[in-house]
C-alpha atoms as a PDB file:
ATOM      1  CA  MET A   1       3.259  -4.685  -5.514  1.00  0.00           C
ATOM      2  CA  ALA A   2       3.281  -1.375  -7.380  1.00  0.00           C
ATOM      3  CA  ARG A   3      -0.518  -1.444  -7.639  1.00  0.00           C
ATOM      4  CA  ARG A   4      -0.762  -2.195  -3.923  1.00  0.00           C
ATOM      5  CA  ASN A   5       1.510   0.727  -3.148  1.00  0.00           C
ATOM      6  CA  MET A   6      -0.635   3.033  -5.292  1.00  0.00           C
ATOM      7  CA  LEU A   7      -3.734   1.972  -3.349  1.00  0.00           C
ATOM      8  CA  VAL A   8      -1.946   2.466  -0.021  1.00  0.00           C
ATOM      9  CA  GLY A   9      -0.723   5.835  -1.294  1.00  0.00           C
ATOM     10  CA  MET A  10      -4.260   6.986  -2.075  1.00  0.00           C
ATOM     11  CA  TRP A  11      -5.413   5.921   1.413  1.00  0.00           C
ATOM     12  CA  ALA A  12      -2.463   7.702   3.044  1.00  0.00           C
ATOM     13  CA  ALA A  13      -2.972  10.809   0.889  1.00  0.00           C
ATOM     14  CA  LYS A  14      -6.550  11.022   2.123  1.00  0.00           C
ATOM     15  CA  LYS A  15      -5.339  10.818   5.743  1.00  0.00           C
ATOM     16  CA  LEU A  16      -2.785  13.540   4.926  1.00  0.00           C
ATOM     17  CA  ASN A  17      -5.544  15.740   3.426  1.00  0.00           C
ATOM     18  CA  LEU A  18      -3.752  16.039   0.093  1.00  0.00           C
ATOM     19  CA  ASP A  19      -5.662  17.485  -2.836  1.00  0.00           C
ATOM     20  CA  GLU A  20      -6.362  15.226  -5.820  1.00  0.00           C
ATOM     21  CA  GLU A  21      -3.262  16.211  -7.785  1.00  0.00           C
ATOM     22  CA  ARG A  22      -0.893  15.815  -4.818  1.00  0.00           C
ATOM     23  CA  ALA A  23      -2.614  12.564  -3.799  1.00  0.00           C
ATOM     24  CA  LYS A  24      -2.011  11.105  -7.248  1.00  0.00           C
ATOM     25  CA  ALA A  25       1.643  12.195  -7.175  1.00  0.00           C
ATOM     26  CA  TYR A  26       2.072  10.754  -3.670  1.00  0.00           C
ATOM     27  CA  SER A  27       0.585   7.373  -4.632  1.00  0.00           C
ATOM     28  CA  GLU A  28       2.646   7.243  -7.831  1.00  0.00           C
ATOM     29  CA  ASP A  29       5.788   8.000  -5.809  1.00  0.00           C
ATOM     30  CA  LEU A  30       5.026   5.070  -3.483  1.00  0.00           C
ATOM     31  CA  ALA A  31       4.442   2.836  -6.499  1.00  0.00           C
ATOM     32  CA  MET A  32       7.713   3.897  -8.114  1.00  0.00           C
ATOM     33  CA  GLY A  33       9.465   3.217  -4.801  1.00  0.00           C
ATOM     34  CA  THR A  34       8.713  -0.458  -5.400  1.00  0.00           C
ATOM     35  CA  LEU A  35      11.492  -0.415  -7.977  1.00  0.00           C
ATOM     36  CA  ASP A  36      14.029   1.313  -5.699  1.00  0.00           C
ATOM     37  CA  VAL A  37      15.430  -0.727  -2.794  1.00  0.00           C
ATOM     38  CA  GLU A  38      16.132   2.405  -0.753  1.00  0.00           C
ATOM     39  CA  ARG A  39      12.513   3.615  -1.125  1.00  0.00           C
ATOM     40  CA  SER A  40      10.665   0.294  -1.009  1.00  0.00           C
ATOM     41  CA  ASP A  41       9.770   0.352   2.727  1.00  0.00           C
ATOM     42  CA  VAL A  42       6.202   1.643   2.352  1.00  0.00           C
ATOM     43  CA  LEU A  43       5.394   1.240   6.050  1.00  0.00           C
ATOM     44  CA  ALA A  44       8.357   3.407   7.083  1.00  0.00           C
ATOM     45  CA  LYS A  45       7.556   6.041   4.430  1.00  0.00           C
ATOM     46  CA  VAL A  46       3.878   6.303   5.358  1.00  0.00           C
ATOM     47  CA  ARG A  47       4.674   6.273   9.095  1.00  0.00           C
ATOM     48  CA  ALA A  48       7.231   9.089   8.656  1.00  0.00           C
ATOM     49  CA  ASP A  49       4.845  11.152   6.522  1.00  0.00           C
ATOM     50  CA  PHE A  50       2.032  10.687   9.048  1.00  0.00           C
ATOM     51  CA  LYS A  51       4.342  11.682  11.909  1.00  0.00           C
ATOM     52  CA  ALA A  52       5.486  14.811  10.056  1.00  0.00           C
ATOM     53  CA  ALA A  53       1.857  15.778   9.384  1.00  0.00           C
ATOM     54  CA  GLY A  54       0.655  14.959  12.900  1.00  0.00           C
ATOM     55  CA  VAL A  55      -1.568  12.094  11.713  1.00  0.00           C
ATOM     56  CA  VAL A  56      -2.021   9.511  14.464  1.00  0.00           C
ATOM     57  CA  GLN A  57      -2.231   6.017  12.992  1.00  0.00           C
ATOM     58  CA  SER A  58      -0.926   2.754  14.448  1.00  0.00           C
ATOM     59  CA  ASP A  59       1.493   0.528  12.562  1.00  0.00           C
ATOM     60  CA  GLU A  60      -1.117  -2.224  12.852  1.00  0.00           C
ATOM     61  CA  GLU A  61      -3.700  -0.092  11.025  1.00  0.00           C
ATOM     62  CA  ILE A  62      -1.205   0.858   8.300  1.00  0.00           C
ATOM     63  CA  LEU A  63      -0.260  -2.812   7.878  1.00  0.00           C
ATOM     64  CA  ARG A  64      -3.953  -3.780   7.752  1.00  0.00           C
ATOM     65  CA  VAL A  65      -4.534  -1.273   4.954  1.00  0.00           C
ATOM     66  CA  MET A  66      -1.418  -2.517   3.147  1.00  0.00           C
ATOM     67  CA  THR A  67      -2.678  -6.106   3.348  1.00  0.00           C
ATOM     68  CA  GLU A  68      -6.159  -5.160   2.128  1.00  0.00           C
ATOM     69  CA  ALA A  69      -4.630  -3.170  -0.736  1.00  0.00           C
ATOM     70  CA  TRP A  70      -2.461  -6.159  -1.608  1.00  0.00           C
ATOM     71  CA  LEU A  71      -5.528  -8.390  -1.760  1.00  0.00           C
ATOM     72  CA  GLN A  72      -7.394  -5.828  -3.852  1.00  0.00           C
ATOM     73  CA  ALA A  73      -4.449  -5.369  -6.216  1.00  0.00           C
ATOM     74  CA  SER A  74      -4.091  -9.146  -6.566  1.00  0.00           C
ATOM     75  CA  SER A  75      -7.741  -9.954  -7.146  1.00  0.00           C
ATOM     76  CA  PRO A  76      -8.522 -11.763 -10.401  1.00  0.00           C
ATOM     77  CA  ARG A  77     -10.531  -8.736 -11.573  1.00  0.00           C
ATOM     78  CA  THR A  78      -7.503  -6.404 -11.368  1.00  0.00           C
ATOM     79  CA  ALA A  79      -4.572  -8.732 -12.011  1.00  0.00           C
ATOM     80  CA  THR A  80      -3.493  -9.330 -15.569  1.00  0.00           C
ATOM     81  CA  ARG A  81      -0.664 -11.749 -14.841  1.00  0.00           C
ATOM     82  CA  GLY A  82       0.947 -13.490 -11.949  1.00  0.00           C
ATOM     83  CA  ASP A  83       2.624 -16.681 -10.981  1.00  0.00           C
ATOM     84  CA  ALA A  84       2.136 -19.371  -8.354  1.00  0.00           C
ATOM     85  CA  SER A  85       4.142 -17.435  -5.776  1.00  0.00           C
ATOM     86  CA  ASP A  86       1.763 -14.465  -6.158  1.00  0.00           C
ATOM     87  CA  ALA A  87      -1.204 -16.745  -5.546  1.00  0.00           C
ATOM     88  CA  ALA A  88       0.448 -18.303  -2.501  1.00  0.00           C
ATOM     89  CA  VAL A  89       1.232 -14.935  -0.965  1.00  0.00           C
ATOM     90  CA  VAL A  90      -2.310 -13.714  -1.575  1.00  0.00           C
ATOM     91  CA  GLN A  91      -3.716 -16.848   0.082  1.00  0.00           C
ATOM     92  CA  ILE A  92      -1.456 -16.337   3.102  1.00  0.00           C
ATOM     93  CA  ALA A  93      -2.620 -12.731   3.378  1.00  0.00           C
ATOM     94  CA  ARG A  94      -6.276 -13.806   3.131  1.00  0.00           C
ATOM     95  CA  ASN A  95      -5.724 -16.372   5.886  1.00  0.00           C
ATOM     96  CA  PHE A  96      -4.044 -13.725   8.017  1.00  0.00           C
ATOM     97  CA  MET A  97      -6.899 -11.245   7.487  1.00  0.00           C
ATOM     98  CA  SER A  98      -9.560 -13.820   8.405  1.00  0.00           C
ATOM     99  CA  LYS A  99      -8.109 -14.395  11.884  1.00  0.00           C
END
């Protein structure tokens, strides 16, 4: 999930026109938010940051990017460990994306 949030953070940082250093910090902050219940709502965080910056992006598009990042972060090439529940969730996301 942390890797997914980093990928989403880099996408969002690009939309927010952040320079490389700020983009990295932004994506790392989203990843660290995975560990904090109060900061773990990535959709709400990205939506609020987009609104504050005047970036128009639908929730559906943000969720699509989050799902794609999840699949990318969970691919066998990038994953080092996981359990059956990870695999099941990834398969559900792939089924969702194919519809």
